[in-house]
Amino acid sequence: MLEILGIIAGNILSLPGILGLALGMTTRSFPLGCGMGAFIGMLSTLIFVGFGFAAIEPLELVIAVVIGIMAGALGTLIRRYGATV
């Protein structure tokens, strides 16, 4: 259980969370923002395992993609509704 929580927290504070949020803020389209976040989640997992597809843990990949999608969606929401002051 602690390992899963560590993976989630690490992904939020790492590339999928921060870069997914930043890329989501560049667009007003939800599918595009979520797609860019998912791509960053997959790419960061590949970078951290050294581009060895045999070393990828499926749970880590799924968590990274989900965090990337959520961060991209949050960035898109900030772009759409946060600047209407």
Protein backbone atom coordinates (compact mmCIF):
# COMPACT_ATOMS: atom_id res chain seq x y z
CA MET A 1 0.00 0.00 0.00
CA LEU A 2 2.82 2.41 0.82
CA GLU A 3 4.51 1.59 -2.46
CA ILE A 4 1.40 2.55 -4.43
CA LEU A 5 1.04 5.80 -2.48
CA GLY A 6 4.69 6.54 -3.12
CA ILE A 7 4.27 5.96 -6.84
CA ILE A 8 1.23 8.28 -6.93
CA ALA A 9 2.96 11.05 -4.95
CA GLY A 10 6.12 10.70 -7.01
CA ASN A 11 4.22 11.06 -10.26
CA ILE A 12 2.29 14.09 -9.04
CA LEU A 13 5.54 15.86 -8.11
CA SER A 14 7.45 14.61 -11.16
CA LEU A 15 7.08 15.01 -14.93
CA PRO A 16 3.51 13.68 -15.38
CA GLY A 17 2.10 16.08 -12.80
CA ILE A 18 4.07 19.26 -13.42
CA LEU A 19 4.65 19.01 -17.17
CA GLY A 20 1.14 17.64 -17.74
CA LEU A 21 -0.29 20.68 -15.95
CA ALA A 22 1.93 23.04 -17.95
CA LEU A 23 1.03 21.45 -21.28
CA GLY A 24 -2.65 21.40 -20.34
CA MET A 25 -2.48 25.14 -19.77
CA THR A 26 -1.35 25.68 -23.36
CA THR A 27 -4.67 24.59 -24.85
CA ARG A 28 -8.39 25.07 -24.36
CA SER A 29 -9.31 21.63 -25.71
CA PHE A 30 -9.91 18.93 -23.08
CA PRO A 31 -9.06 15.95 -25.33
CA LEU A 32 -5.83 17.59 -26.44
CA GLY A 33 -4.84 18.55 -22.89
CA CYS A 34 -5.58 15.05 -21.58
CA GLY A 35 -3.76 13.48 -24.52
CA MET A 36 -0.65 15.55 -23.95
CA GLY A 37 -0.71 14.66 -20.25
CA ALA A 38 -1.04 10.95 -21.07
CA PHE A 39 1.85 11.19 -23.54
CA ILE A 40 4.05 12.83 -20.90
CA GLY A 41 3.09 10.08 -18.44
CA MET A 42 4.16 7.37 -20.88
CA LEU A 43 7.30 9.22 -21.91
CA SER A 44 8.44 9.85 -18.33
CA THR A 45 8.00 6.18 -17.46
CA LEU A 46 10.08 5.20 -20.49
CA ILE A 47 12.78 7.73 -19.59
CA PHE A 48 13.08 6.51 -16.00
CA VAL A 49 13.46 2.85 -17.02
CA GLY A 50 16.04 3.71 -19.68
CA PHE A 51 13.79 2.98 -22.68
CA GLY A 52 13.78 -0.72 -21.82
CA PHE A 53 10.28 -1.96 -22.51
CA ALA A 54 10.90 -5.16 -20.52
CA ALA A 55 11.56 -3.16 -17.33
CA ILE A 56 8.25 -1.26 -17.35
CA GLU A 57 5.90 -2.17 -14.51
CA PRO A 58 2.29 -2.02 -15.76
CA LEU A 59 1.02 -0.47 -12.52
CA GLU A 60 3.58 2.34 -12.67
CA LEU A 61 2.71 3.04 -16.30
CA VAL A 62 -1.03 3.14 -15.61
CA ILE A 63 -0.59 5.45 -12.62
CA ALA A 64 1.69 7.78 -14.58
CA VAL A 65 -0.78 7.98 -17.47
CA VAL A 66 -3.75 8.61 -15.15
CA ILE A 67 -1.85 11.34 -13.28
CA GLY A 68 -0.84 12.89 -16.61
CA ILE A 69 -4.45 12.88 -17.82
CA MET A 70 -5.69 14.46 -14.59
CA ALA A 71 -2.94 17.11 -14.65
CA GLY A 72 -3.65 17.92 -18.31
CA ALA A 73 -7.36 18.27 -17.59
CA LEU A 74 -6.63 20.51 -14.60
CA GLY A 75 -4.33 22.68 -16.74
CA THR A 76 -7.05 23.01 -19.36
CA LEU A 77 -9.56 24.01 -16.69
CA ILE A 78 -7.16 26.64 -15.40
CA ARG A 79 -6.72 27.93 -18.94
CA ARG A 80 -10.46 28.06 -19.62
CA TYR A 81 -11.88 29.38 -16.35
CA GLY A 82 -8.95 30.74 -14.37
CA ALA A 83 -8.31 33.74 -16.57
CA THR A 84 -11.85 35.15 -16.44
CA VAL A 85 -11.23 37.59 -13.60
